[in-house]
Amino acid sequence: MKRLLNPQQELFLSLYCNPKSETFGSAYASAIRAKYKKKYAENITGQMPEWLSENLGDLKRLKKAEKVLDETLEMDSKNRRIINDEIIETEEPALLKIKQDTAKFVASGLGKAKYGTRQEMTGADGKPLVIQISKEIAEKNNVAT
């Protein structure tokens, strides 16, 4: 079971792992910016505390998963056979289904604003829905517009 990170650990990870961070990839600089003591900052990756190991492992697994997603999206779903010196191509249904399912998964996650099928009971990003009531209905029900 994973532990929750404290704010200092979260800051360190965001500085260390975010390519847009000024200290991206520098454990020492990220630890100093996260207000760790100099001695700890010098040895943070050598000590590899459990919270850091767990989170770096998650990032490594995510990177591998993204690589597999890319490979699957780029995979050829055709089956080629040579019959009488002629190349016969047929679509392989199982491979095509894997490719389509992968494309749906990626589109629903990365492109959820455009391709997502979830219907929110709130407004965008969880904000309250704004409901417009016609003047006649508002007057009839004694509600302000």
N, C-alpha and C. Protein backbone atom coordinates (compact mmCIF):
# COMPACT_ATOMS: atom_id res chain seq x y z
N MET A 1 0.84 -1.18 0.00
CA MET A 1 0.00 0.00 0.00
C MET A 1 0.89 1.24 0.00
N LYS A 2 0.59 2.14 -0.90
CA LYS A 2 1.43 3.33 -1.02
C LYS A 2 1.07 4.38 0.03
N ARG A 3 2.12 5.05 0.48
CA ARG A 3 1.93 6.13 1.44
C ARG A 3 1.69 7.42 0.68
N LEU A 4 0.99 8.34 1.32
CA LEU A 4 0.83 9.65 0.74
C LEU A 4 2.12 10.44 0.94
N LEU A 5 2.42 11.29 -0.01
CA LEU A 5 3.62 12.12 0.10
C LEU A 5 3.32 13.37 0.92
N ASN A 6 4.33 13.83 1.64
CA ASN A 6 4.16 15.11 2.32
C ASN A 6 4.44 16.22 1.30
N PRO A 7 4.09 17.46 1.60
CA PRO A 7 4.27 18.55 0.63
C PRO A 7 5.72 18.70 0.14
N GLN A 8 6.69 18.49 1.01
CA GLN A 8 8.09 18.62 0.62
C GLN A 8 8.47 17.53 -0.39
N GLN A 9 8.01 16.32 -0.17
CA GLN A 9 8.29 15.22 -1.09
C GLN A 9 7.61 15.46 -2.45
N GLU A 10 6.37 15.95 -2.41
CA GLU A 10 5.65 16.26 -3.65
C GLU A 10 6.40 17.34 -4.44
N LEU A 11 6.87 18.37 -3.74
CA LEU A 11 7.60 19.44 -4.41
C LEU A 11 8.88 18.90 -5.04
N PHE A 12 9.62 18.10 -4.28
CA PHE A 12 10.85 17.51 -4.82
C PHE A 12 10.56 16.74 -6.11
N LEU A 13 9.56 15.85 -6.06
CA LEU A 13 9.24 15.04 -7.24
C LEU A 13 8.81 15.89 -8.43
N SER A 14 8.02 16.93 -8.16
CA SER A 14 7.57 17.78 -9.28
C SER A 14 8.75 18.54 -9.88
N LEU A 15 9.69 18.97 -9.06
CA LEU A 15 10.87 19.66 -9.58
C LEU A 15 11.80 18.71 -10.31
N TYR A 16 11.98 17.53 -9.78
CA TYR A 16 12.94 16.55 -10.31
C TYR A 16 12.43 15.87 -11.59
N CYS A 17 11.13 15.62 -11.66
CA CYS A 17 10.58 14.81 -12.76
C CYS A 17 9.90 15.60 -13.86
N ASN A 18 9.66 16.87 -13.65
CA ASN A 18 8.95 17.67 -14.66
C ASN A 18 9.95 18.29 -15.63
N PRO A 19 9.88 17.93 -16.92
CA PRO A 19 10.82 18.47 -17.91
C PRO A 19 10.78 20.00 -18.01
N LYS A 20 9.72 20.62 -17.55
CA LYS A 20 9.62 22.09 -17.61
C LYS A 20 10.25 22.77 -16.39
N SER A 21 10.65 21.96 -15.41
CA SER A 21 11.25 22.51 -14.20
C SER A 21 12.70 22.92 -14.47
N GLU A 22 13.13 23.99 -13.81
CA GLU A 22 14.53 24.45 -13.94
C GLU A 22 15.50 23.41 -13.38
N THR A 23 15.04 22.57 -12.46
CA THR A 23 15.93 21.59 -11.83
C THR A 23 15.64 20.17 -12.32
N PHE A 24 14.94 20.03 -13.42
CA PHE A 24 14.59 18.72 -13.97
C PHE A 24 15.84 17.83 -14.09
N GLY A 25 15.74 16.63 -13.54
CA GLY A 25 16.82 15.65 -13.65
C GLY A 25 17.96 15.84 -12.67
N SER A 26 17.96 16.94 -11.91
CA SER A 26 19.01 17.16 -10.92
C SER A 26 18.42 16.93 -9.53
N ALA A 27 18.72 15.77 -8.96
CA ALA A 27 18.19 15.44 -7.63
C ALA A 27 18.66 16.45 -6.58
N TYR A 28 19.94 16.81 -6.67
CA TYR A 28 20.49 17.75 -5.67
C TYR A 28 19.77 19.11 -5.75
N ALA A 29 19.71 19.69 -6.95
CA ALA A 29 19.08 21.01 -7.11
C ALA A 29 17.61 20.96 -6.74
N SER A 30 16.93 19.87 -7.11
CA SER A 30 15.51 19.74 -6.78
C SER A 30 15.32 19.62 -5.27
N ALA A 31 16.19 18.89 -4.60
CA ALA A 31 16.09 18.73 -3.14
C ALA A 31 16.35 20.05 -2.43
N ILE A 32 17.33 20.81 -2.90
CA ILE A 32 17.61 22.12 -2.30
C ILE A 32 16.41 23.05 -2.47
N ARG A 33 15.82 23.08 -3.69
CA ARG A 33 14.65 23.93 -3.94
C ARG A 33 13.46 23.49 -3.10
N ALA A 34 13.41 22.19 -2.76
CA ALA A 34 12.31 21.68 -1.93
C ALA A 34 12.61 21.86 -0.45
N LYS A 35 13.71 22.56 -0.15
CA LYS A 35 14.08 22.92 1.23
C LYS A 35 14.59 21.73 2.07
N TYR A 36 15.19 20.73 1.41
CA TYR A 36 15.86 19.68 2.16
C TYR A 36 17.22 20.22 2.58
N LYS A 37 17.76 19.68 3.66
CA LYS A 37 19.09 20.08 4.12
C LYS A 37 20.13 19.64 3.09
N LYS A 38 21.24 20.38 3.03
CA LYS A 38 22.28 20.14 2.03
C LYS A 38 22.79 18.70 2.07
N LYS A 39 23.05 18.19 3.25
CA LYS A 39 23.58 16.82 3.40
C LYS A 39 22.61 15.80 2.82
N TYR A 40 21.32 15.97 3.11
CA TYR A 40 20.31 15.05 2.59
C TYR A 40 20.20 15.21 1.07
N ALA A 41 20.25 16.45 0.59
CA ALA A 41 20.15 16.71 -0.85
C ALA A 41 21.31 16.05 -1.60
N GLU A 42 22.49 16.05 -1.00
CA GLU A 42 23.67 15.45 -1.64
C GLU A 42 23.53 13.94 -1.77
N ASN A 43 22.73 13.32 -0.89
CA ASN A 43 22.66 11.86 -0.84
C ASN A 43 21.27 11.29 -1.13
N ILE A 44 20.34 12.12 -1.59
CA ILE A 44 18.95 11.66 -1.69
C ILE A 44 18.78 10.45 -2.61
N THR A 45 19.45 10.44 -3.75
CA THR A 45 19.30 9.29 -4.65
C THR A 45 20.14 8.10 -4.17
N GLY A 46 21.22 8.37 -3.47
CA GLY A 46 22.03 7.28 -2.92
C GLY A 46 21.30 6.58 -1.79
N GLN A 47 20.62 7.35 -0.97
CA GLN A 47 19.84 6.77 0.13
C GLN A 47 18.56 6.10 -0.39
N MET A 48 18.04 6.63 -1.49
CA MET A 48 16.82 6.16 -2.13
C MET A 48 15.74 5.78 -1.11
N PRO A 49 15.20 6.79 -0.43
CA PRO A 49 14.13 6.50 0.53
C PRO A 49 12.95 5.83 -0.18
N GLU A 50 12.18 5.11 0.59
CA GLU A 50 11.08 4.32 0.01
C GLU A 50 10.11 5.18 -0.81
N TRP A 51 9.77 6.37 -0.31
CA TRP A 51 8.83 7.22 -1.04
C TRP A 51 9.38 7.60 -2.41
N LEU A 52 10.68 7.83 -2.51
CA LEU A 52 11.30 8.19 -3.78
C LEU A 52 11.38 6.98 -4.70
N SER A 53 11.78 5.86 -4.15
CA SER A 53 11.89 4.63 -4.94
C SER A 53 10.55 4.25 -5.56
N GLU A 54 9.49 4.31 -4.75
CA GLU A 54 8.15 3.96 -5.23
C GLU A 54 7.73 4.87 -6.37
N ASN A 55 7.94 6.16 -6.21
CA ASN A 55 7.48 7.12 -7.22
C ASN A 55 8.32 7.08 -8.49
N LEU A 56 9.62 6.88 -8.36
CA LEU A 56 10.46 6.76 -9.55
C LEU A 56 10.13 5.46 -10.29
N GLY A 57 9.80 4.41 -9.53
CA GLY A 57 9.38 3.16 -10.15
C GLY A 57 8.09 3.34 -10.94
N ASP A 58 7.15 4.10 -10.37
CA ASP A 58 5.89 4.38 -11.08
C ASP A 58 6.17 5.12 -12.38
N LEU A 59 7.07 6.10 -12.33
CA LEU A 59 7.39 6.86 -13.54
C LEU A 59 8.05 5.97 -14.59
N LYS A 60 8.90 5.05 -14.14
CA LYS A 60 9.57 4.13 -15.06
C LYS A 60 8.54 3.20 -15.73
N ARG A 61 7.60 2.69 -14.93
CA ARG A 61 6.57 1.82 -15.48
C ARG A 61 5.67 2.59 -16.45
N LEU A 62 5.36 3.84 -16.13
CA LEU A 62 4.54 4.66 -17.02
C LEU A 62 5.24 4.88 -18.35
N LYS A 63 6.54 5.13 -18.29
CA LYS A 63 7.30 5.33 -19.53
C LYS A 63 7.28 4.07 -20.39
N LYS A 64 7.43 2.91 -19.76
CA LYS A 64 7.37 1.64 -20.49
C LYS A 64 5.98 1.43 -21.11
N ALA A 65 4.95 1.74 -20.33
CA ALA A 65 3.58 1.58 -20.83
C ALA A 65 3.33 2.49 -22.03
N GLU A 66 3.85 3.71 -21.97
CA GLU A 66 3.69 4.63 -23.09
C GLU A 66 4.42 4.11 -24.33
N LYS A 67 5.56 3.48 -24.13
CA LYS A 67 6.29 2.91 -25.26
C LYS A 67 5.48 1.79 -25.91
N VAL A 68 4.87 0.94 -25.08
CA VAL A 68 4.05 -0.15 -25.61
C VAL A 68 2.82 0.42 -26.34
N LEU A 69 2.22 1.46 -25.79
CA LEU A 69 1.10 2.10 -26.47
C LEU A 69 1.51 2.60 -27.85
N ASP A 70 2.66 3.27 -27.93
CA ASP A 70 3.15 3.76 -29.22
C ASP A 70 3.39 2.61 -30.19
N GLU A 71 4.03 1.55 -29.72
CA GLU A 71 4.30 0.40 -30.58
C GLU A 71 3.01 -0.24 -31.08
N THR A 72 2.02 -0.32 -30.20
CA THR A 72 0.74 -0.91 -30.58
C THR A 72 0.01 -0.06 -31.60
N LEU A 73 0.03 1.25 -31.40
CA LEU A 73 -0.62 2.15 -32.36
C LEU A 73 0.05 2.10 -33.73
N GLU A 74 1.35 1.85 -33.76
CA GLU A 74 2.10 1.82 -35.02
C GLU A 74 2.17 0.41 -35.63
N MET A 75 1.67 -0.58 -34.92
CA MET A 75 1.80 -1.96 -35.40
C MET A 75 0.98 -2.18 -36.67
N ASP A 76 1.50 -3.04 -37.52
CA ASP A 76 0.82 -3.41 -38.75
C ASP A 76 -0.19 -4.50 -38.42
N SER A 77 -1.43 -4.32 -38.81
CA SER A 77 -2.46 -5.31 -38.49
C SER A 77 -2.79 -6.21 -39.69
N LYS A 78 -1.92 -6.19 -40.69
CA LYS A 78 -2.14 -7.02 -41.87
C LYS A 78 -1.32 -8.31 -41.78
N ASN A 79 -1.88 -9.36 -42.34
CA ASN A 79 -1.21 -10.65 -42.42
C ASN A 79 -0.80 -10.83 -43.89
N ARG A 80 0.47 -11.10 -44.12
CA ARG A 80 0.97 -11.27 -45.49
C ARG A 80 1.41 -12.71 -45.72
N ARG A 81 0.94 -13.26 -46.83
CA ARG A 81 1.34 -14.61 -47.22
C ARG A 81 1.74 -14.59 -48.68
N ILE A 82 2.62 -15.47 -49.04
CA ILE A 82 3.02 -15.61 -50.44
C ILE A 82 2.38 -16.89 -50.98
N ILE A 83 1.55 -16.71 -51.98
CA ILE A 83 0.89 -17.84 -52.63
C ILE A 83 1.18 -17.74 -54.12
N ASN A 84 1.82 -18.76 -54.67
CA ASN A 84 2.20 -18.78 -56.09
C ASN A 84 2.97 -17.52 -56.48
N ASP A 85 3.97 -17.17 -55.69
CA ASP A 85 4.82 -16.01 -55.93
C ASP A 85 4.07 -14.67 -55.87
N GLU A 86 2.90 -14.69 -55.30
CA GLU A 86 2.12 -13.45 -55.17
C GLU A 86 1.90 -13.17 -53.69
N ILE A 87 2.09 -11.90 -53.29
CA ILE A 87 1.88 -11.51 -51.89
C ILE A 87 0.39 -11.21 -51.69
N ILE A 88 -0.20 -11.95 -50.76
CA ILE A 88 -1.61 -11.76 -50.43
C ILE A 88 -1.68 -11.10 -49.05
N GLU A 89 -2.34 -9.96 -48.98
CA GLU A 89 -2.50 -9.25 -47.70
C GLU A 89 -3.94 -9.36 -47.25
N THR A 90 -4.10 -9.71 -45.99
CA THR A 90 -5.44 -9.71 -45.40
C THR A 90 -5.36 -9.03 -44.04
N GLU A 91 -6.44 -8.37 -43.67
CA GLU A 91 -6.50 -7.71 -42.37
C GLU A 91 -6.67 -8.79 -41.31
N GLU A 92 -5.87 -8.75 -40.28
CA GLU A 92 -5.95 -9.71 -39.19
C GLU A 92 -6.88 -9.13 -38.12
N PRO A 93 -8.12 -9.65 -38.00
CA PRO A 93 -9.11 -9.06 -37.10
C PRO A 93 -8.65 -8.90 -35.65
N ALA A 94 -7.94 -9.89 -35.11
CA ALA A 94 -7.51 -9.80 -33.71
C ALA A 94 -6.51 -8.66 -33.51
N LEU A 95 -5.57 -8.51 -34.46
CA LEU A 95 -4.60 -7.43 -34.35
C LEU A 95 -5.27 -6.07 -34.56
N LEU A 96 -6.21 -6.01 -35.48
CA LEU A 96 -6.93 -4.75 -35.72
C LEU A 96 -7.72 -4.35 -34.47
N LYS A 97 -8.34 -5.31 -33.79
CA LYS A 97 -9.09 -5.00 -32.57
C LYS A 97 -8.17 -4.47 -31.48
N ILE A 98 -7.00 -5.09 -31.32
CA ILE A 98 -6.03 -4.61 -30.33
C ILE A 98 -5.65 -3.18 -30.64
N LYS A 99 -5.38 -2.90 -31.90
CA LYS A 99 -4.97 -1.55 -32.31
C LYS A 99 -6.11 -0.54 -32.08
N GLN A 100 -7.34 -0.92 -32.42
CA GLN A 100 -8.48 -0.03 -32.20
C GLN A 100 -8.73 0.22 -30.72
N ASP A 101 -8.65 -0.83 -29.91
CA ASP A 101 -8.86 -0.67 -28.47
C ASP A 101 -7.79 0.25 -27.87
N THR A 102 -6.55 0.10 -28.33
CA THR A 102 -5.47 0.95 -27.85
C THR A 102 -5.72 2.41 -28.25
N ALA A 103 -6.14 2.61 -29.49
CA ALA A 103 -6.42 3.97 -29.96
C ALA A 103 -7.55 4.60 -29.14
N LYS A 104 -8.59 3.83 -28.83
CA LYS A 104 -9.69 4.35 -28.02
C LYS A 104 -9.21 4.73 -26.63
N PHE A 105 -8.37 3.86 -26.06
CA PHE A 105 -7.84 4.12 -24.72
C PHE A 105 -7.04 5.41 -24.68
N VAL A 106 -6.15 5.58 -25.65
CA VAL A 106 -5.31 6.79 -25.70
C VAL A 106 -6.17 8.02 -25.94
N ALA A 107 -7.10 7.92 -26.89
CA ALA A 107 -7.97 9.07 -27.20
C ALA A 107 -8.84 9.45 -26.02
N SER A 108 -9.37 8.45 -25.29
CA SER A 108 -10.25 8.76 -24.17
C SER A 108 -9.49 9.38 -23.00
N GLY A 109 -8.18 9.09 -22.90
CA GLY A 109 -7.38 9.67 -21.81
C GLY A 109 -6.76 10.99 -22.20
N LEU A 110 -5.94 10.96 -23.25
CA LEU A 110 -5.24 12.18 -23.65
C LEU A 110 -6.15 13.18 -24.35
N GLY A 111 -7.15 12.66 -25.06
CA GLY A 111 -8.05 13.54 -25.80
C GLY A 111 -9.44 13.53 -25.22
N LYS A 112 -9.54 13.39 -23.89
CA LYS A 112 -10.87 13.22 -23.29
C LYS A 112 -11.79 14.41 -23.53
N ALA A 113 -11.24 15.60 -23.65
CA ALA A 113 -12.10 16.76 -23.90
C ALA A 113 -12.79 16.63 -25.25
N LYS A 114 -12.10 16.01 -26.20
CA LYS A 114 -12.66 15.89 -27.55
C LYS A 114 -13.33 14.54 -27.78
N TYR A 115 -12.74 13.45 -27.27
CA TYR A 115 -13.22 12.11 -27.57
C TYR A 115 -13.90 11.39 -26.41
N GLY A 116 -13.84 11.97 -25.22
CA GLY A 116 -14.39 11.30 -24.05
C GLY A 116 -15.89 11.08 -24.17
N THR A 117 -16.37 10.00 -23.60
CA THR A 117 -17.79 9.68 -23.66
C THR A 117 -18.49 9.94 -22.32
N ARG A 118 -17.72 10.27 -21.32
CA ARG A 118 -18.30 10.51 -20.00
C ARG A 118 -19.12 11.80 -20.03
N GLN A 119 -20.28 11.75 -19.43
CA GLN A 119 -21.13 12.93 -19.36
C GLN A 119 -21.17 13.40 -17.92
N GLU A 120 -20.70 14.59 -17.72
CA GLU A 120 -20.61 15.14 -16.37
C GLU A 120 -21.95 15.66 -15.88
N MET A 121 -22.14 15.55 -14.60
CA MET A 121 -23.32 16.13 -13.97
C MET A 121 -22.95 17.48 -13.38
N THR A 122 -21.77 17.96 -13.75
CA THR A 122 -21.30 19.27 -13.32
C THR A 122 -20.86 20.02 -14.57
N GLY A 123 -20.43 21.25 -14.38
CA GLY A 123 -19.89 22.01 -15.49
C GLY A 123 -18.45 21.57 -15.77
N ALA A 124 -17.80 22.27 -16.67
CA ALA A 124 -16.43 21.95 -17.05
C ALA A 124 -15.52 21.94 -15.82
N ASP A 125 -14.65 20.93 -15.74
CA ASP A 125 -13.68 20.79 -14.65
C ASP A 125 -14.33 20.76 -13.28
N GLY A 126 -15.55 20.23 -13.18
CA GLY A 126 -16.21 20.08 -11.89
C GLY A 126 -16.90 21.33 -11.36
N LYS A 127 -16.89 22.39 -12.15
CA LYS A 127 -17.55 23.63 -11.71
C LYS A 127 -19.07 23.43 -11.74
N PRO A 128 -19.79 24.23 -10.97
CA PRO A 128 -21.26 24.08 -10.96
C PRO A 128 -21.85 24.35 -12.34
N LEU A 129 -22.94 23.63 -12.63
CA LEU A 129 -23.66 23.87 -13.88
C LEU A 129 -24.39 25.20 -13.79
N VAL A 130 -24.40 25.92 -14.87
CA VAL A 130 -25.16 27.16 -14.94
C VAL A 130 -26.44 26.84 -15.71
N ILE A 131 -27.56 27.00 -15.05
CA ILE A 131 -28.84 26.67 -15.67
C ILE A 131 -29.59 27.96 -15.96
N GLN A 132 -29.94 28.13 -17.23
CA GLN A 132 -30.69 29.31 -17.64
C GLN A 132 -32.19 29.01 -17.52
N ILE A 133 -32.89 29.88 -16.85
CA ILE A 133 -34.34 29.72 -16.70
C ILE A 133 -35.00 30.87 -17.44
N SER A 134 -35.99 30.51 -18.24
CA SER A 134 -36.68 31.57 -18.99
C SER A 134 -37.41 32.48 -18.01
N LYS A 135 -37.63 33.70 -18.47
CA LYS A 135 -38.29 34.70 -17.63
C LYS A 135 -39.68 34.25 -17.21
N GLU A 136 -40.42 33.65 -18.16
CA GLU A 136 -41.79 33.22 -17.85
C GLU A 136 -41.81 32.16 -16.75
N ILE A 137 -40.89 31.18 -16.85
CA ILE A 137 -40.84 30.11 -15.84
C ILE A 137 -40.40 30.67 -14.50
N ALA A 138 -39.44 31.59 -14.52
CA ALA A 138 -38.96 32.20 -13.28
C ALA A 138 -40.08 32.96 -12.59
N GLU A 139 -40.84 33.73 -13.38
CA GLU A 139 -41.95 34.51 -12.80
C GLU A 139 -43.03 33.58 -12.26
N LYS A 140 -43.31 32.52 -13.03
CA LYS A 140 -44.34 31.57 -12.66
C LYS A 140 -43.99 30.85 -11.36
N ASN A 141 -42.70 30.57 -11.17
CA ASN A 141 -42.25 29.83 -9.98
C ASN A 141 -41.62 30.73 -8.92
N ASN A 142 -41.71 32.03 -9.13
CA ASN A 142 -41.19 33.00 -8.17
C ASN A 142 -39.70 32.79 -7.90
N VAL A 143 -38.89 32.64 -9.00
CA VAL A 143 -37.46 32.41 -8.91
C VAL A 143 -36.75 33.58 -9.60
N ALA A 144 -35.63 34.02 -9.01
CA ALA A 144 -34.85 35.11 -9.63
C ALA A 144 -34.05 34.58 -10.80
N THR A 145 -33.88 35.39 -11.85
CA THR A 145 -33.06 34.99 -13.00
C THR A 145 -31.72 35.67 -12.97
